[in-house]
Amino acid sequence: MEHWQPDFIAELHLFPTEVSGRKNPIINGYRPSFDMGVPGMWNDALMEMVGMDRIDPGGSATVRVAMVFPDFQVGRLHPGFTFDLHDVNKHIGRGEILEVLNPMMCCQPR
């Protein structure tokens, strides 16, 4: 994936198909919606897996994430911050930020 800079690195866990998860794996370039804890707002983002090219339902991976609209997360993110992952209206996984790469998004944990 060229011409984009990741905003953070996270550990992502997809739910198994039997527990509301996707039926198919996700691949590099997948653009899900991230629920970052702001009521009524989901953010789209691009993802790139570290050391792999797909995550199967029920699987986990470290991912680089580039928010499509990073301004909505200014001063909010820190290692340990958790978020939910959605595919349309389906809750398909959870993630935890390992490292914030974009300094404008970084804050101190509460």
C-alpha atoms as a PDB file:
ATOM      1  CA  MET A   1       0.000   0.000   0.000  1.00  0.00           C
ATOM      2  CA  GLU A   2       1.626   3.185  -1.134  1.00  0.00           C
ATOM      3  CA  HIS A   3       0.967   6.880  -0.518  1.00  0.00           C
ATOM      4  CA  TRP A   4      -0.538   6.662   2.943  1.00  0.00           C
ATOM      5  CA  GLN A   5       0.908   6.990   6.407  1.00  0.00           C
ATOM      6  CA  PRO A   6      -0.441   4.889   9.254  1.00  0.00           C
ATOM      7  CA  ASP A   7      -1.795   6.791  12.258  1.00  0.00           C
ATOM      8  CA  PHE A   8      -1.405   3.916  14.717  1.00  0.00           C
ATOM      9  CA  ILE A   9      -0.533   0.251  15.143  1.00  0.00           C
ATOM     10  CA  ALA A  10      -3.082  -2.018  16.803  1.00  0.00           C
ATOM     11  CA  GLU A  11      -3.753  -5.638  17.688  1.00  0.00           C
ATOM     12  CA  LEU A  12      -7.004  -6.638  15.975  1.00  0.00           C
ATOM     13  CA  HIS A  13      -9.198  -9.614  16.932  1.00  0.00           C
ATOM     14  CA  LEU A  14     -11.973 -10.712  14.558  1.00  0.00           C
ATOM     15  CA  PHE A  15     -14.986 -12.510  15.968  1.00  0.00           C
ATOM     16  CA  PRO A  16     -15.588 -16.069  14.710  1.00  0.00           C
ATOM     17  CA  THR A  17     -18.356 -16.460  12.127  1.00  0.00           C
ATOM     18  CA  GLU A  18     -20.526 -18.240  14.722  1.00  0.00           C
ATOM     19  CA  VAL A  19     -20.361 -15.201  17.048  1.00  0.00           C
ATOM     20  CA  SER A  20     -21.510 -12.444  14.639  1.00  0.00           C
ATOM     21  CA  GLY A  21     -18.202 -12.424  12.751  1.00  0.00           C
ATOM     22  CA  ARG A  22     -17.628 -12.233   9.028  1.00  0.00           C
ATOM     23  CA  LYS A  23     -17.874 -15.304   6.827  1.00  0.00           C
ATOM     24  CA  ASN A  24     -14.789 -14.350   4.809  1.00  0.00           C
ATOM     25  CA  PRO A  25     -11.301 -13.162   5.757  1.00  0.00           C
ATOM     26  CA  ILE A  26     -10.283  -9.532   5.547  1.00  0.00           C
ATOM     27  CA  ILE A  27      -7.329  -8.575   3.371  1.00  0.00           C
ATOM     28  CA  ASN A  28      -4.844  -5.721   3.154  1.00  0.00           C
ATOM     29  CA  GLY A  29      -6.599  -2.545   2.054  1.00  0.00           C
ATOM     30  CA  TYR A  30      -9.869  -3.498   3.742  1.00  0.00           C
ATOM     31  CA  ARG A  31     -11.679  -0.324   4.843  1.00  0.00           C
ATOM     32  CA  PRO A  32     -13.967  -1.058   7.806  1.00  0.00           C
ATOM     33  CA  SER A  33     -15.639   1.389  10.165  1.00  0.00           C
ATOM     34  CA  PHE A  34     -13.985   1.985  13.516  1.00  0.00           C
ATOM     35  CA  ASP A  35     -16.041   2.863  16.589  1.00  0.00           C
ATOM     36  CA  MET A  36     -13.522   4.934  18.544  1.00  0.00           C
ATOM     37  CA  GLY A  37     -15.894   5.751  21.404  1.00  0.00           C
ATOM     38  CA  VAL A  38     -17.463   8.991  20.138  1.00  0.00           C
ATOM     39  CA  PRO A  39     -21.262   8.501  20.398  1.00  0.00           C
ATOM     40  CA  GLY A  40     -22.935   8.440  16.997  1.00  0.00           C
ATOM     41  CA  MET A  41     -19.669   8.555  15.022  1.00  0.00           C
ATOM     42  CA  TRP A  42     -17.765   5.810  13.262  1.00  0.00           C
ATOM     43  CA  ASN A  43     -14.546   6.498  11.366  1.00  0.00           C
ATOM     44  CA  ASP A  44     -13.450   4.759   8.175  1.00  0.00           C
ATOM     45  CA  ALA A  45      -9.844   3.648   8.007  1.00  0.00           C
ATOM     46  CA  LEU A  46      -7.463   1.694   5.796  1.00  0.00           C
ATOM     47  CA  MET A  47      -5.722  -1.321   7.298  1.00  0.00           C
ATOM     48  CA  GLU A  48      -2.546  -3.162   6.466  1.00  0.00           C
ATOM     49  CA  MET A  49      -1.620  -6.380   8.259  1.00  0.00           C
ATOM     50  CA  VAL A  50       1.924  -6.683   9.596  1.00  0.00           C
ATOM     51  CA  GLY A  51       3.621  -9.841   8.314  1.00  0.00           C
ATOM     52  CA  MET A  52       0.504 -11.320   6.695  1.00  0.00           C
ATOM     53  CA  ASP A  53      -1.988 -10.492   3.966  1.00  0.00           C
ATOM     54  CA  ARG A  54      -5.269 -11.632   5.545  1.00  0.00           C
ATOM     55  CA  ILE A  55      -7.062 -12.307   8.825  1.00  0.00           C
ATOM     56  CA  ASP A  56      -9.559 -15.163   8.969  1.00  0.00           C
ATOM     57  CA  PRO A  57     -12.718 -14.951  11.085  1.00  0.00           C
ATOM     58  CA  GLY A  58     -11.748 -15.763  14.673  1.00  0.00           C
ATOM     59  CA  GLY A  59      -8.144 -14.710  13.998  1.00  0.00           C
ATOM     60  CA  SER A  60      -5.913 -11.920  15.256  1.00  0.00           C
ATOM     61  CA  ALA A  61      -3.194  -9.773  13.730  1.00  0.00           C
ATOM     62  CA  THR A  62      -1.142  -6.675  14.240  1.00  0.00           C
ATOM     63  CA  VAL A  63      -2.317  -3.979  11.808  1.00  0.00           C
ATOM     64  CA  ARG A  64      -1.243  -0.526  10.687  1.00  0.00           C
ATOM     65  CA  VAL A  65      -4.235   1.811  10.517  1.00  0.00           C
ATOM     66  CA  ALA A  66      -4.664   5.066   8.592  1.00  0.00           C
ATOM     67  CA  MET A  67      -7.807   6.981   9.543  1.00  0.00           C
ATOM     68  CA  VAL A  68      -9.634   8.517   6.571  1.00  0.00           C
ATOM     69  CA  PHE A  69     -10.569  11.559   8.704  1.00  0.00           C
ATOM     70  CA  PRO A  70      -7.887  11.715  11.424  1.00  0.00           C
ATOM     71  CA  ASP A  71      -9.052  15.145  12.659  1.00  0.00           C
ATOM     72  CA  PHE A  72     -11.853  13.444  14.620  1.00  0.00           C
ATOM     73  CA  GLN A  73      -9.275  11.685  16.816  1.00  0.00           C
ATOM     74  CA  VAL A  74      -6.964  14.614  17.666  1.00  0.00           C
ATOM     75  CA  GLY A  75      -5.593  14.235  21.198  1.00  0.00           C
ATOM     76  CA  ARG A  76      -7.653  11.112  21.978  1.00  0.00           C
ATOM     77  CA  LEU A  77      -5.526   8.025  21.313  1.00  0.00           C
ATOM     78  CA  HIS A  78      -2.927   6.216  23.420  1.00  0.00           C
ATOM     79  CA  PRO A  79      -1.488   2.708  23.787  1.00  0.00           C
ATOM     80  CA  GLY A  80      -4.153   0.553  25.425  1.00  0.00           C
ATOM     81  CA  PHE A  81      -7.061   2.474  23.825  1.00  0.00           C
ATOM     82  CA  THR A  82      -9.692  -0.038  22.678  1.00  0.00           C
ATOM     83  CA  PHE A  83     -12.091   0.219  19.747  1.00  0.00           C
ATOM     84  CA  ASP A  84     -14.731  -1.816  17.928  1.00  0.00           C
ATOM     85  CA  LEU A  85     -14.647  -2.799  14.270  1.00  0.00           C
ATOM     86  CA  HIS A  86     -17.774  -2.807  12.088  1.00  0.00           C
ATOM     87  CA  ASP A  87     -18.601  -4.037   8.606  1.00  0.00           C
ATOM     88  CA  VAL A  88     -21.653  -1.974   7.627  1.00  0.00           C
ATOM     89  CA  ASN A  89     -23.828  -2.415  10.767  1.00  0.00           C
ATOM     90  CA  LYS A  90     -22.288  -5.712  11.866  1.00  0.00           C
ATOM     91  CA  HIS A  91     -19.915  -5.721  14.864  1.00  0.00           C
ATOM     92  CA  ILE A  92     -17.085  -7.961  13.629  1.00  0.00           C
ATOM     93  CA  GLY A  93     -14.174  -7.423  15.985  1.00  0.00           C
ATOM     94  CA  ARG A  94     -12.247  -5.458  18.583  1.00  0.00           C
ATOM     95  CA  GLY A  95      -8.863  -3.846  18.663  1.00  0.00           C
ATOM     96  CA  GLU A  96      -6.354  -2.294  21.020  1.00  0.00           C
ATOM     97  CA  ILE A  97      -3.855   0.389  20.071  1.00  0.00           C
ATOM     98  CA  LEU A  98      -0.248  -0.672  20.613  1.00  0.00           C
ATOM     99  CA  GLU A  99       1.475   2.500  19.369  1.00  0.00           C
ATOM    100  CA  VAL A 100       0.284   5.918  18.155  1.00  0.00           C
ATOM    101  CA  LEU A 101       2.359   7.065  15.173  1.00  0.00           C
ATOM    102  CA  ASN A 102       0.556  10.332  14.371  1.00  0.00           C
ATOM    103  CA  PRO A 103       1.569  12.795  17.116  1.00  0.00           C
ATOM    104  CA  MET A 104      -1.541  14.961  16.685  1.00  0.00           C
ATOM    105  CA  MET A 105      -3.714  12.000  17.756  1.00  0.00           C
ATOM    106  CA  CYS A 106      -1.714  11.157  20.857  1.00  0.00           C
ATOM    107  CA  CYS A 107      -2.832  11.861  24.408  1.00  0.00           C
ATOM    108  CA  GLN A 108      -1.906  10.600  27.836  1.00  0.00           C
ATOM    109  CA  PRO A 109      -4.001   7.654  29.112  1.00  0.00           C
ATOM    110  CA  ARG A 110      -6.508   8.558  31.814  1.00  0.00           C
END
